[in-house]
């Protein structure tokens, strides 16, 4: 089976939760090709240097420096629409050149396959489009945990409309995978469980790049040598990600808060494109990124973990049994993260 996997480049979470899928397909001897852009593509290329990759249209969004992102997101809406259209036509060009059995999109809205021309919106004036000639239509899978798209309180009236638009996107795909538990003991709360799921959707359980460690977090005696070494070095570990400038804002706040204290602090900056250079500010150590094994060790050993309340981070901390010691800091003005920080 030949598979194309393409995560959205909005922080590193969409890419990191594709890592277990890629590993599974490689274990099953499938041919995997990675598609994407920006830091998320860099992360996957570092994990899987042996795989072929395809550069997709970039989505260069930025947050506001303030506590409200409403205006920033309103300005970004035309860019999101344009990006989705460019993504869709980039996929058409890819499929014209080679065949894939399965296409997996993590929140890239335009990676569905439409082989038949549709003219119902333009009637008899529509120009017929030549369909892509494929031996077999590929199966398309869309990954999302947001059936309900959260909005700021004053825009709550928009949520049904946004959910309807997102549902329309989901139904363009063969299947929708929701990375959460189906029952009451779930991680995404209202985001995936408040609304009826689309007819092509199913819950597949959390997706995490870390192996689930039973009792490791609750039993300090089970720590590995690497974890014990990390415990001696860092009491507080901050894992950063997300769009600028808010990623940098949080980094500066952490440095200011913990400067000149006795606590040893490690900040993993989430900058996969930077050289692996360590920077020291007194008791604070900054690294661009860590590989999964090292990151797992420092997270298990830390007494306090500081991170954004992104859903992929929550899945990772849940897998490691570390959610109880996390200090989740929502990105200002991002309702989804504010909801998840409150939920957990």
C-alpha atoms as a PDB file:
ATOM      1  CA  UNK A   1       0.000   0.000   0.000  1.00  0.00           C
ATOM      2  CA  UNK A   2       1.267   3.490  -0.888  1.00  0.00           C
ATOM      3  CA  UNK A   3       0.253   6.234   1.545  1.00  0.00           C
ATOM      4  CA  UNK A   4       0.544  10.027   1.527  1.00  0.00           C
ATOM      5  CA  UNK A   5       0.456  11.658   4.991  1.00  0.00           C
ATOM      6  CA  UNK A   6       0.095  15.444   5.238  1.00  0.00           C
ATOM      7  CA  UNK A   7      -0.305  17.381   8.532  1.00  0.00           C
ATOM      8  CA  UNK A   8      -1.287  21.005   8.922  1.00  0.00           C
ATOM      9  CA  UNK A   9       1.532  23.364   9.887  1.00  0.00           C
ATOM     10  CA  UNK A  10      -0.048  25.087  12.906  1.00  0.00           C
ATOM     11  CA  UNK A  11       2.436  24.463  15.684  1.00  0.00           C
ATOM     12  CA  UNK A  12       3.947  20.984  15.904  1.00  0.00           C
ATOM     13  CA  UNK A  13       0.965  19.064  17.259  1.00  0.00           C
ATOM     14  CA  UNK A  14      -0.561  17.989  13.947  1.00  0.00           C
ATOM     15  CA  UNK A  15       2.791  16.603  12.819  1.00  0.00           C
ATOM     16  CA  UNK A  16       3.674  14.918  16.125  1.00  0.00           C
ATOM     17  CA  UNK A  17       0.424  12.955  16.225  1.00  0.00           C
ATOM     18  CA  UNK A  18       1.123  11.665  12.715  1.00  0.00           C
ATOM     19  CA  UNK A  19       4.320   9.990  13.972  1.00  0.00           C
ATOM     20  CA  UNK A  20       2.559   6.895  15.411  1.00  0.00           C
ATOM     21  CA  UNK A  21       0.591   6.489  12.176  1.00  0.00           C
ATOM     22  CA  UNK A  22       3.760   6.624  10.081  1.00  0.00           C
ATOM     23  CA  UNK A  23       5.463   4.099  12.365  1.00  0.00           C
ATOM     24  CA  UNK A  24       2.490   1.738  12.078  1.00  0.00           C
ATOM     25  CA  UNK A  25       2.446   1.884   8.286  1.00  0.00           C
ATOM     26  CA  UNK A  26       6.195   1.352   8.110  1.00  0.00           C
ATOM     27  CA  UNK A  27       5.825  -1.687  10.401  1.00  0.00           C
ATOM     28  CA  UNK A  28       3.217  -2.976   7.943  1.00  0.00           C
ATOM     29  CA  UNK A  29       5.754  -2.549   5.086  1.00  0.00           C
ATOM     30  CA  UNK A  30       3.767   0.205   3.395  1.00  0.00           C
ATOM     31  CA  UNK A  31       5.374   2.863   1.231  1.00  0.00           C
ATOM     32  CA  UNK A  32       4.918   6.186   3.044  1.00  0.00           C
ATOM     33  CA  UNK A  33       5.416   9.639   1.533  1.00  0.00           C
ATOM     34  CA  UNK A  34       5.261  12.746   3.748  1.00  0.00           C
ATOM     35  CA  UNK A  35       3.773  16.012   2.502  1.00  0.00           C
ATOM     36  CA  UNK A  36       3.643  19.352   4.275  1.00  0.00           C
ATOM     37  CA  UNK A  37       5.363  22.645   4.927  1.00  0.00           C
ATOM     38  CA  UNK A  38       7.235  24.621   7.543  1.00  0.00           C
ATOM     39  CA  UNK A  39       8.239  23.446  11.026  1.00  0.00           C
ATOM     40  CA  UNK A  40       5.845  20.468  10.986  1.00  0.00           C
ATOM     41  CA  UNK A  41       7.441  19.069   7.828  1.00  0.00           C
ATOM     42  CA  UNK A  42      10.891  19.640   9.344  1.00  0.00           C
ATOM     43  CA  UNK A  43       9.856  17.665  12.436  1.00  0.00           C
ATOM     44  CA  UNK A  44       8.732  14.668  10.370  1.00  0.00           C
ATOM     45  CA  UNK A  45      11.816  14.790   8.164  1.00  0.00           C
ATOM     46  CA  UNK A  46      13.976  14.630  11.293  1.00  0.00           C
ATOM     47  CA  UNK A  47      12.029  11.619  12.550  1.00  0.00           C
ATOM     48  CA  UNK A  48      11.952   9.834   9.205  1.00  0.00           C
ATOM     49  CA  UNK A  49      14.998  10.932   7.147  1.00  0.00           C
ATOM     50  CA  UNK A  50      14.700   7.797   4.995  1.00  0.00           C
ATOM     51  CA  UNK A  51      11.274   8.773   3.632  1.00  0.00           C
ATOM     52  CA  UNK A  52      10.471  10.838   0.583  1.00  0.00           C
ATOM     53  CA  UNK A  53       8.751  14.152   1.184  1.00  0.00           C
ATOM     54  CA  UNK A  54       6.708  16.580  -0.925  1.00  0.00           C
ATOM     55  CA  UNK A  55       6.508  20.298  -0.151  1.00  0.00           C
ATOM     56  CA  UNK A  56       2.928  21.568  -0.065  1.00  0.00           C
ATOM     57  CA  UNK A  57       1.598  25.165  -0.147  1.00  0.00           C
ATOM     58  CA  UNK A  58       2.594  27.045   3.000  1.00  0.00           C
ATOM     59  CA  UNK A  59       0.164  28.496   5.534  1.00  0.00           C
ATOM     60  CA  UNK A  60       2.031  31.391   7.143  1.00  0.00           C
ATOM     61  CA  UNK A  61      -0.383  32.519   9.834  1.00  0.00           C
ATOM     62  CA  UNK A  62       0.610  34.698  12.776  1.00  0.00           C
ATOM     63  CA  UNK A  63      -1.117  35.504  16.034  1.00  0.00           C
ATOM     64  CA  UNK A  64      -1.553  38.940  17.518  1.00  0.00           C
ATOM     65  CA  UNK A  65       0.688  39.985  20.417  1.00  0.00           C
ATOM     66  CA  UNK A  66      -2.409  40.873  22.435  1.00  0.00           C
ATOM     67  CA  UNK A  67      -4.873  38.741  24.374  1.00  0.00           C
ATOM     68  CA  UNK A  68      -7.462  38.638  21.610  1.00  0.00           C
ATOM     69  CA  UNK A  69      -6.943  36.776  18.343  1.00  0.00           C
ATOM     70  CA  UNK A  70     -10.371  37.575  16.906  1.00  0.00           C
ATOM     71  CA  UNK A  71      -9.148  40.207  14.473  1.00  0.00           C
ATOM     72  CA  UNK A  72      -6.064  38.143  13.553  1.00  0.00           C
ATOM     73  CA  UNK A  73      -8.245  35.124  12.745  1.00  0.00           C
ATOM     74  CA  UNK A  74     -10.736  37.270  10.817  1.00  0.00           C
ATOM     75  CA  UNK A  75      -7.910  38.598   8.663  1.00  0.00           C
ATOM     76  CA  UNK A  76      -6.612  35.038   8.214  1.00  0.00           C
ATOM     77  CA  UNK A  77      -9.909  33.643   6.871  1.00  0.00           C
ATOM     78  CA  UNK A  78      -9.269  34.577   3.214  1.00  0.00           C
ATOM     79  CA  UNK A  79      -5.747  33.161   3.572  1.00  0.00           C
ATOM     80  CA  UNK A  80      -7.149  29.868   4.930  1.00  0.00           C
ATOM     81  CA  UNK A  81      -9.576  29.594   2.011  1.00  0.00           C
ATOM     82  CA  UNK A  82      -6.865  30.369  -0.535  1.00  0.00           C
ATOM     83  CA  UNK A  83      -4.495  27.883   1.114  1.00  0.00           C
ATOM     84  CA  UNK A  84      -7.102  25.115   1.012  1.00  0.00           C
ATOM     85  CA  UNK A  85      -7.724  25.707  -2.691  1.00  0.00           C
ATOM     86  CA  UNK A  86      -3.990  25.684  -3.437  1.00  0.00           C
ATOM     87  CA  UNK A  87      -3.645  22.488  -1.384  1.00  0.00           C
ATOM     88  CA  UNK A  88      -6.425  20.830  -3.379  1.00  0.00           C
ATOM     89  CA  UNK A  89      -4.850  21.640  -6.731  1.00  0.00           C
ATOM     90  CA  UNK A  90      -1.408  20.637  -5.456  1.00  0.00           C
ATOM     91  CA  UNK A  91      -2.894  17.228  -4.612  1.00  0.00           C
ATOM     92  CA  UNK A  92      -4.385  16.982  -8.106  1.00  0.00           C
ATOM     93  CA  UNK A  93      -0.934  17.577  -9.596  1.00  0.00           C
ATOM     94  CA  UNK A  94       0.557  14.927  -7.324  1.00  0.00           C
ATOM     95  CA  UNK A  95      -2.096  12.374  -8.285  1.00  0.00           C
ATOM     96  CA  UNK A  96      -1.611  13.142 -11.973  1.00  0.00           C
ATOM     97  CA  UNK A  97       2.040  12.124 -11.570  1.00  0.00           C
ATOM     98  CA  UNK A  98       1.732   9.083  -9.276  1.00  0.00           C
ATOM     99  CA  UNK A  99      -0.808   6.824  -7.653  1.00  0.00           C
ATOM    100  CA  UNK A 100      -1.570   6.565  -3.923  1.00  0.00           C
ATOM    101  CA  UNK A 101      -3.855   4.061  -2.222  1.00  0.00           C
ATOM    102  CA  UNK A 102      -4.556   6.254   0.801  1.00  0.00           C
ATOM    103  CA  UNK A 103      -4.242   9.962   1.559  1.00  0.00           C
ATOM    104  CA  UNK A 104      -4.237  11.033   5.211  1.00  0.00           C
ATOM    105  CA  UNK A 105      -4.801  14.718   5.960  1.00  0.00           C
ATOM    106  CA  UNK A 106      -4.426  16.035   9.492  1.00  0.00           C
ATOM    107  CA  UNK A 107      -6.590  19.159   9.315  1.00  0.00           C
ATOM    108  CA  UNK A 108      -5.481  20.132   5.805  1.00  0.00           C
ATOM    109  CA  UNK A 109      -8.928  20.985   4.467  1.00  0.00           C
ATOM    110  CA  UNK A 110      -8.265  20.620   0.748  1.00  0.00           C
ATOM    111  CA  UNK A 111      -6.779  17.133   0.451  1.00  0.00           C
ATOM    112  CA  UNK A 112      -9.940  15.373  -0.656  1.00  0.00           C
ATOM    113  CA  UNK A 113     -10.286  13.721  -4.065  1.00  0.00           C
ATOM    114  CA  UNK A 114     -12.985  14.857  -6.452  1.00  0.00           C
ATOM    115  CA  UNK A 115     -12.760  12.961  -9.716  1.00  0.00           C
ATOM    116  CA  UNK A 116     -16.111  14.005 -11.151  1.00  0.00           C
ATOM    117  CA  UNK A 117     -16.750  17.539 -12.424  1.00  0.00           C
ATOM    118  CA  UNK A 118     -19.534  19.341 -10.557  1.00  0.00           C
ATOM    119  CA  UNK A 119     -21.532  22.059 -12.236  1.00  0.00           C
ATOM    120  CA  UNK A 120     -24.640  22.377 -10.069  1.00  0.00           C
ATOM    121  CA  UNK A 121     -23.510  25.749  -8.724  1.00  0.00           C
ATOM    122  CA  UNK A 122     -23.053  27.241 -12.178  1.00  0.00           C
ATOM    123  CA  UNK A 123     -25.696  25.445 -14.237  1.00  0.00           C
ATOM    124  CA  UNK A 124     -25.240  25.239 -18.005  1.00  0.00           C
ATOM    125  CA  UNK A 125     -22.537  27.931 -17.972  1.00  0.00           C
ATOM    126  CA  UNK A 126     -20.080  25.779 -16.063  1.00  0.00           C
ATOM    127  CA  UNK A 127     -17.002  24.760 -17.983  1.00  0.00           C
ATOM    128  CA  UNK A 128     -16.488  20.983 -17.811  1.00  0.00           C
ATOM    129  CA  UNK A 129     -13.323  19.950 -16.036  1.00  0.00           C
ATOM    130  CA  UNK A 130     -11.302  16.991 -17.154  1.00  0.00           C
ATOM    131  CA  UNK A 131     -11.172  14.519 -14.260  1.00  0.00           C
ATOM    132  CA  UNK A 132      -7.882  13.131 -13.057  1.00  0.00           C
ATOM    133  CA  UNK A 133      -7.390   9.730 -14.674  1.00  0.00           C
ATOM    134  CA  UNK A 134      -6.641   7.173 -11.968  1.00  0.00           C
ATOM    135  CA  UNK A 135      -6.819   3.410 -12.030  1.00  0.00           C
ATOM    136  CA  UNK A 136      -8.586   3.531  -8.671  1.00  0.00           C
ATOM    137  CA  UNK A 137      -9.792   6.427  -6.566  1.00  0.00           C
ATOM    138  CA  UNK A 138      -7.596   6.704  -3.448  1.00  0.00           C
ATOM    139  CA  UNK A 139      -9.137   6.447  -0.016  1.00  0.00           C
ATOM    140  CA  UNK A 140      -9.003   9.814   1.778  1.00  0.00           C
ATOM    141  CA  UNK A 141      -8.871  10.202   5.553  1.00  0.00           C
ATOM    142  CA  UNK A 142      -9.285  13.431   7.498  1.00  0.00           C
ATOM    143  CA  UNK A 143      -8.003  13.640  11.093  1.00  0.00           C
ATOM    144  CA  UNK A 144      -9.545  16.150  13.490  1.00  0.00           C
ATOM    145  CA  UNK A 145     -10.592  16.453  17.125  1.00  0.00           C
ATOM    146  CA  UNK A 146     -12.706  19.582  16.541  1.00  0.00           C
ATOM    147  CA  UNK A 147     -16.194  18.712  15.382  1.00  0.00           C
ATOM    148  CA  UNK A 148     -17.213  21.734  17.449  1.00  0.00           C
ATOM    149  CA  UNK A 149     -15.148  24.823  16.588  1.00  0.00           C
ATOM    150  CA  UNK A 150     -14.911  26.985  19.717  1.00  0.00           C
ATOM    151  CA  UNK A 151     -15.269  30.761  19.446  1.00  0.00           C
ATOM    152  CA  UNK A 152     -14.849  33.650  21.918  1.00  0.00           C
ATOM    153  CA  UNK A 153     -17.948  34.185  24.113  1.00  0.00           C
ATOM    154  CA  UNK A 154     -19.189  37.193  22.156  1.00  0.00           C
ATOM    155  CA  UNK A 155     -19.061  35.155  18.911  1.00  0.00           C
ATOM    156  CA  UNK A 156     -20.660  32.011  20.347  1.00  0.00           C
ATOM    157  CA  UNK A 157     -23.557  32.425  17.907  1.00  0.00           C
ATOM    158  CA  UNK A 158     -21.107  31.530  15.109  1.00  0.00           C
ATOM    159  CA  UNK A 159     -20.324  28.046  16.469  1.00  0.00           C
ATOM    160  CA  UNK A 160     -23.223  26.225  14.733  1.00  0.00           C
ATOM    161  CA  UNK A 161     -22.266  27.809  11.398  1.00  0.00           C
ATOM    162  CA  UNK A 162     -18.575  26.924  11.791  1.00  0.00           C
ATOM    163  CA  UNK A 163     -19.478  23.377  12.837  1.00  0.00           C
ATOM    164  CA  UNK A 164     -21.668  23.052   9.741  1.00  0.00           C
ATOM    165  CA  UNK A 165     -18.890  24.296   7.457  1.00  0.00           C
ATOM    166  CA  UNK A 166     -16.391  21.914   9.071  1.00  0.00           C
ATOM    167  CA  UNK A 167     -18.844  19.033   8.753  1.00  0.00           C
ATOM    168  CA  UNK A 168     -19.189  19.840   5.046  1.00  0.00           C
ATOM    169  CA  UNK A 169     -15.389  19.588   4.705  1.00  0.00           C
ATOM    170  CA  UNK A 170     -15.298  16.301   6.644  1.00  0.00           C
ATOM    171  CA  UNK A 171     -17.919  14.721   4.388  1.00  0.00           C
ATOM    172  CA  UNK A 172     -15.744  15.340   1.326  1.00  0.00           C
ATOM    173  CA  UNK A 173     -13.415  12.626   2.643  1.00  0.00           C
ATOM    174  CA  UNK A 174     -13.892   8.872   2.626  1.00  0.00           C
ATOM    175  CA  UNK A 175     -13.364   8.662   6.400  1.00  0.00           C
ATOM    176  CA  UNK A 176     -12.826  10.975   9.360  1.00  0.00           C
ATOM    177  CA  UNK A 177     -10.668   9.748  12.254  1.00  0.00           C
ATOM    178  CA  UNK A 178     -11.198  11.389  15.643  1.00  0.00           C
ATOM    179  CA  UNK A 179      -8.147  10.855  17.904  1.00  0.00           C
ATOM    180  CA  UNK A 180      -9.954  10.356  21.196  1.00  0.00           C
ATOM    181  CA  UNK A 181     -11.846   7.807  23.254  1.00  0.00           C
ATOM    182  CA  UNK A 182     -15.497   7.312  22.320  1.00  0.00           C
ATOM    183  CA  UNK A 183     -16.838   7.137  25.875  1.00  0.00           C
ATOM    184  CA  UNK A 184     -17.344   9.580  28.723  1.00  0.00           C
ATOM    185  CA  UNK A 185     -13.725   9.313  29.879  1.00  0.00           C
ATOM    186  CA  UNK A 186     -12.301  11.231  26.964  1.00  0.00           C
ATOM    187  CA  UNK A 187      -9.692  13.958  26.402  1.00  0.00           C
ATOM    188  CA  UNK A 188     -11.396  16.398  24.031  1.00  0.00           C
ATOM    189  CA  UNK A 189     -14.698  16.950  25.842  1.00  0.00           C
ATOM    190  CA  UNK A 190     -17.197  19.057  23.921  1.00  0.00           C
ATOM    191  CA  UNK A 191     -14.849  19.460  20.961  1.00  0.00           C
ATOM    192  CA  UNK A 192     -15.556  15.915  19.762  1.00  0.00           C
ATOM    193  CA  UNK A 193     -18.504  14.764  21.880  1.00  0.00           C
ATOM    194  CA  UNK A 194     -21.077  17.545  22.044  1.00  0.00           C
ATOM    195  CA  UNK A 195     -22.311  17.204  18.452  1.00  0.00           C
ATOM    196  CA  UNK A 196     -23.387  14.051  16.579  1.00  0.00           C
ATOM    197  CA  UNK A 197     -20.410  12.725  14.660  1.00  0.00           C
ATOM    198  CA  UNK A 198     -20.577  12.709  10.840  1.00  0.00           C
ATOM    199  CA  UNK A 199     -21.630   9.451   9.195  1.00  0.00           C
ATOM    200  CA  UNK A 200     -18.080   8.836   7.914  1.00  0.00           C
ATOM    201  CA  UNK A 201     -16.377   9.488  11.278  1.00  0.00           C
ATOM    202  CA  UNK A 202     -15.157   7.197  14.036  1.00  0.00           C
ATOM    203  CA  UNK A 203     -13.109   7.454  17.237  1.00  0.00           C
ATOM    204  CA  UNK A 204      -9.703   5.796  16.950  1.00  0.00           C
ATOM    205  CA  UNK A 205      -8.245   6.566  20.390  1.00  0.00           C
ATOM    206  CA  UNK A 206      -5.548   9.149  21.204  1.00  0.00           C
ATOM    207  CA  UNK A 207      -2.572   9.509  18.856  1.00  0.00           C
ATOM    208  CA  UNK A 208       0.742  10.070  20.597  1.00  0.00           C
ATOM    209  CA  UNK A 209       4.388   9.789  19.624  1.00  0.00           C
ATOM    210  CA  UNK A 210       5.202   8.392  23.073  1.00  0.00           C
ATOM    211  CA  UNK A 211       4.689   4.758  24.127  1.00  0.00           C
ATOM    212  CA  UNK A 212       2.182   4.402  26.934  1.00  0.00           C
ATOM    213  CA  UNK A 213       4.118   3.605  30.114  1.00  0.00           C
ATOM    214  CA  UNK A 214       2.085   1.829  32.757  1.00  0.00           C
ATOM    215  CA  UNK A 215       2.735   3.094  36.303  1.00  0.00           C
ATOM    216  CA  UNK A 216       5.944   4.884  35.277  1.00  0.00           C
ATOM    217  CA  UNK A 217       4.770   8.316  36.344  1.00  0.00           C
ATOM    218  CA  UNK A 218       3.229   7.043  39.580  1.00  0.00           C
ATOM    219  CA  UNK A 219       6.225   4.942  40.581  1.00  0.00           C
ATOM    220  CA  UNK A 220       9.492   6.923  40.827  1.00  0.00           C
ATOM    221  CA  UNK A 221      11.443   3.701  41.366  1.00  0.00           C
ATOM    222  CA  UNK A 222      10.621   2.636  37.806  1.00  0.00           C
ATOM    223  CA  UNK A 223      12.511   5.567  36.222  1.00  0.00           C
ATOM    224  CA  UNK A 224      15.285   4.687  33.821  1.00  0.00           C
ATOM    225  CA  UNK A 225      18.848   5.873  34.247  1.00  0.00           C
ATOM    226  CA  UNK A 226      18.170   8.606  31.706  1.00  0.00           C
ATOM    227  CA  UNK A 227      15.125   9.767  33.668  1.00  0.00           C
ATOM    228  CA  UNK A 228      17.090   9.813  36.934  1.00  0.00           C
ATOM    229  CA  UNK A 229      19.801  11.895  35.298  1.00  0.00           C
ATOM    230  CA  UNK A 230      17.178  14.292  33.964  1.00  0.00           C
ATOM    231  CA  UNK A 231      15.565  14.519  37.398  1.00  0.00           C
ATOM    232  CA  UNK A 232      18.832  15.702  38.917  1.00  0.00           C
ATOM    233  CA  UNK A 233      19.123  18.390  36.245  1.00  0.00           C
ATOM    234  CA  UNK A 234      15.630  19.868  35.709  1.00  0.00           C
ATOM    235  CA  UNK A 235      12.778  20.303  38.154  1.00  0.00           C
ATOM    236  CA  UNK A 236      10.719  22.368  35.711  1.00  0.00           C
ATOM    237  CA  UNK A 237      10.360  21.579  32.000  1.00  0.00           C
ATOM    238  CA  UNK A 238       8.602  23.920  29.574  1.00  0.00           C
ATOM    239  CA  UNK A 239       7.633  22.587  26.147  1.00  0.00           C
ATOM    240  CA  UNK A 240       6.750  25.336  23.674  1.00  0.00           C
ATOM    241  CA  UNK A 241       5.044  25.286  20.302  1.00  0.00           C
ATOM    242  CA  UNK A 242       2.472  27.231  18.320  1.00  0.00           C
ATOM    243  CA  UNK A 243       2.379  30.303  16.128  1.00  0.00           C
ATOM    244  CA  UNK A 244       4.466  33.411  16.590  1.00  0.00           C
ATOM    245  CA  UNK A 245       4.642  35.822  18.286  1.00  0.00           C
ATOM    246  CA  UNK A 246       2.784  34.053  21.126  1.00  0.00           C
ATOM    247  CA  UNK A 247       5.361  31.236  21.279  1.00  0.00           C
ATOM    248  CA  UNK A 248       8.095  33.793  21.960  1.00  0.00           C
ATOM    249  CA  UNK A 249       5.879  35.737  24.389  1.00  0.00           C
ATOM    250  CA  UNK A 250       5.442  32.649  26.596  1.00  0.00           C
ATOM    251  CA  UNK A 251       9.157  31.808  26.379  1.00  0.00           C
ATOM    252  CA  UNK A 252      10.079  35.294  27.605  1.00  0.00           C
ATOM    253  CA  UNK A 253       7.516  35.106  30.410  1.00  0.00           C
ATOM    254  CA  UNK A 254       8.976  31.812  31.654  1.00  0.00           C
ATOM    255  CA  UNK A 255      12.533  33.146  31.531  1.00  0.00           C
ATOM    256  CA  UNK A 256      11.499  36.279  33.433  1.00  0.00           C
ATOM    257  CA  UNK A 257       9.554  34.320  36.054  1.00  0.00           C
ATOM    258  CA  UNK A 258      12.239  31.729  36.828  1.00  0.00           C
ATOM    259  CA  UNK A 259      15.389  33.840  36.355  1.00  0.00           C
ATOM    260  CA  UNK A 260      17.820  33.777  39.284  1.00  0.00           C
ATOM    261  CA  UNK A 261      15.901  31.075  41.140  1.00  0.00           C
ATOM    262  CA  UNK A 262      17.408  27.884  42.469  1.00  0.00           C
ATOM    263  CA  UNK A 263      15.113  25.692  40.362  1.00  0.00           C
ATOM    264  CA  UNK A 264      16.779  24.152  37.330  1.00  0.00           C
ATOM    265  CA  UNK A 265      14.572  24.923  34.344  1.00  0.00           C
ATOM    266  CA  UNK A 266      14.629  23.432  30.843  1.00  0.00           C
ATOM    267  CA  UNK A 267      12.828  25.177  27.979  1.00  0.00           C
ATOM    268  CA  UNK A 268      12.272  23.099  24.828  1.00  0.00           C
ATOM    269  CA  UNK A 269      11.612  25.882  22.346  1.00  0.00           C
ATOM    270  CA  UNK A 270       9.861  23.849  19.628  1.00  0.00           C
ATOM    271  CA  UNK A 271      12.102  25.270  16.887  1.00  0.00           C
ATOM    272  CA  UNK A 272      12.855  22.258  14.726  1.00  0.00           C
ATOM    273  CA  UNK A 273      14.492  24.324  12.010  1.00  0.00           C
ATOM    274  CA  UNK A 274      17.201  25.755  14.283  1.00  0.00           C
ATOM    275  CA  UNK A 275      20.643  24.220  14.887  1.00  0.00           C
ATOM    276  CA  UNK A 276      20.750  22.020  17.981  1.00  0.00           C
ATOM    277  CA  UNK A 277      22.536  24.597  20.138  1.00  0.00           C
ATOM    278  CA  UNK A 278      22.072  24.878  23.910  1.00  0.00           C
ATOM    279  CA  UNK A 279      21.712  28.367  25.418  1.00  0.00           C
ATOM    280  CA  UNK A 280      22.202  28.976  29.137  1.00  0.00           C
ATOM    281  CA  UNK A 281      20.599  31.826  31.106  1.00  0.00           C
ATOM    282  CA  UNK A 282      21.740  31.222  34.680  1.00  0.00           C
ATOM    283  CA  UNK A 283      19.562  28.414  35.998  1.00  0.00           C
ATOM    284  CA  UNK A 284      17.593  28.192  32.719  1.00  0.00           C
ATOM    285  CA  UNK A 285      18.629  25.990  29.803  1.00  0.00           C
ATOM    286  CA  UNK A 286      17.096  26.481  26.360  1.00  0.00           C
ATOM    287  CA  UNK A 287      17.255  23.916  23.551  1.00  0.00           C
ATOM    288  CA  UNK A 288      15.570  24.186  20.126  1.00  0.00           C
ATOM    289  CA  UNK A 289      14.081  20.682  20.357  1.00  0.00           C
ATOM    290  CA  UNK A 290      14.669  17.195  21.794  1.00  0.00           C
ATOM    291  CA  UNK A 291      14.207  13.806  20.201  1.00  0.00           C
ATOM    292  CA  UNK A 292      11.311  11.758  21.536  1.00  0.00           C
ATOM    293  CA  UNK A 293      13.345   9.623  23.925  1.00  0.00           C
ATOM    294  CA  UNK A 294      15.093  12.571  25.578  1.00  0.00           C
ATOM    295  CA  UNK A 295      11.872  14.551  25.773  1.00  0.00           C
ATOM    296  CA  UNK A 296      10.073  11.615  27.346  1.00  0.00           C
ATOM    297  CA  UNK A 297      12.821  11.285  29.963  1.00  0.00           C
ATOM    298  CA  UNK A 298      12.749  14.930  31.035  1.00  0.00           C
ATOM    299  CA  UNK A 299       8.943  15.015  31.125  1.00  0.00           C
ATOM    300  CA  UNK A 300       8.722  11.906  33.298  1.00  0.00           C
ATOM    301  CA  UNK A 301      11.398  13.251  35.642  1.00  0.00           C
ATOM    302  CA  UNK A 302      10.094  16.815  35.977  1.00  0.00           C
ATOM    303  CA  UNK A 303       8.041  17.950  38.944  1.00  0.00           C
ATOM    304  CA  UNK A 304       6.293  20.661  36.940  1.00  0.00           C
ATOM    305  CA  UNK A 305       5.597  20.735  33.184  1.00  0.00           C
ATOM    306  CA  UNK A 306       4.644  24.014  31.508  1.00  0.00           C
ATOM    307  CA  UNK A 307       3.072  23.871  28.056  1.00  0.00           C
ATOM    308  CA  UNK A 308       0.339  25.216  25.857  1.00  0.00           C
ATOM    309  CA  UNK A 309      -2.967  23.389  26.162  1.00  0.00           C
ATOM    310  CA  UNK A 310      -2.887  22.114  22.590  1.00  0.00           C
ATOM    311  CA  UNK A 311      -4.713  18.830  22.107  1.00  0.00           C
ATOM    312  CA  UNK A 312      -1.678  16.899  20.854  1.00  0.00           C
ATOM    313  CA  UNK A 313       0.282  17.966  23.948  1.00  0.00           C
ATOM    314  CA  UNK A 314      -2.572  16.755  26.142  1.00  0.00           C
ATOM    315  CA  UNK A 315      -2.570  13.375  24.360  1.00  0.00           C
ATOM    316  CA  UNK A 316       1.213  13.069  24.866  1.00  0.00           C
ATOM    317  CA  UNK A 317       1.057  13.960  28.563  1.00  0.00           C
ATOM    318  CA  UNK A 318      -1.873  11.577  29.051  1.00  0.00           C
ATOM    319  CA  UNK A 319       0.090   8.725  27.468  1.00  0.00           C
ATOM    320  CA  UNK A 320       3.024   9.383  29.811  1.00  0.00           C
ATOM    321  CA  UNK A 321       0.792   9.749  32.871  1.00  0.00           C
ATOM    322  CA  UNK A 322       2.020  13.327  33.338  1.00  0.00           C
ATOM    323  CA  UNK A 323      -1.155  15.399  32.979  1.00  0.00           C
ATOM    324  CA  UNK A 324      -1.439  15.747  36.754  1.00  0.00           C
ATOM    325  CA  UNK A 325       1.782  17.781  36.954  1.00  0.00           C
ATOM    326  CA  UNK A 326       1.163  19.958  33.891  1.00  0.00           C
ATOM    327  CA  UNK A 327       0.563  23.702  34.080  1.00  0.00           C
ATOM    328  CA  UNK A 328      -1.423  24.271  30.904  1.00  0.00           C
ATOM    329  CA  UNK A 329      -1.190  27.813  29.539  1.00  0.00           C
ATOM    330  CA  UNK A 330      -3.759  28.562  26.843  1.00  0.00           C
ATOM    331  CA  UNK A 331      -2.729  30.774  23.957  1.00  0.00           C
ATOM    332  CA  UNK A 332      -4.476  34.107  24.623  1.00  0.00           C
ATOM    333  CA  UNK A 333      -7.605  34.488  22.552  1.00  0.00           C
ATOM    334  CA  UNK A 334      -7.646  30.858  21.359  1.00  0.00           C
ATOM    335  CA  UNK A 335     -10.960  29.428  22.645  1.00  0.00           C
ATOM    336  CA  UNK A 336     -10.113  25.771  21.926  1.00  0.00           C
ATOM    337  CA  UNK A 337      -6.999  25.907  24.120  1.00  0.00           C
ATOM    338  CA  UNK A 338      -8.806  27.881  26.813  1.00  0.00           C
ATOM    339  CA  UNK A 339     -11.499  25.203  26.912  1.00  0.00           C
ATOM    340  CA  UNK A 340      -8.987  22.339  27.057  1.00  0.00           C
ATOM    341  CA  UNK A 341      -6.938  24.058  29.791  1.00  0.00           C
ATOM    342  CA  UNK A 342     -10.116  24.434  31.848  1.00  0.00           C
ATOM    343  CA  UNK A 343     -11.234  20.847  31.117  1.00  0.00           C
ATOM    344  CA  UNK A 344      -7.933  19.360  32.305  1.00  0.00           C
END
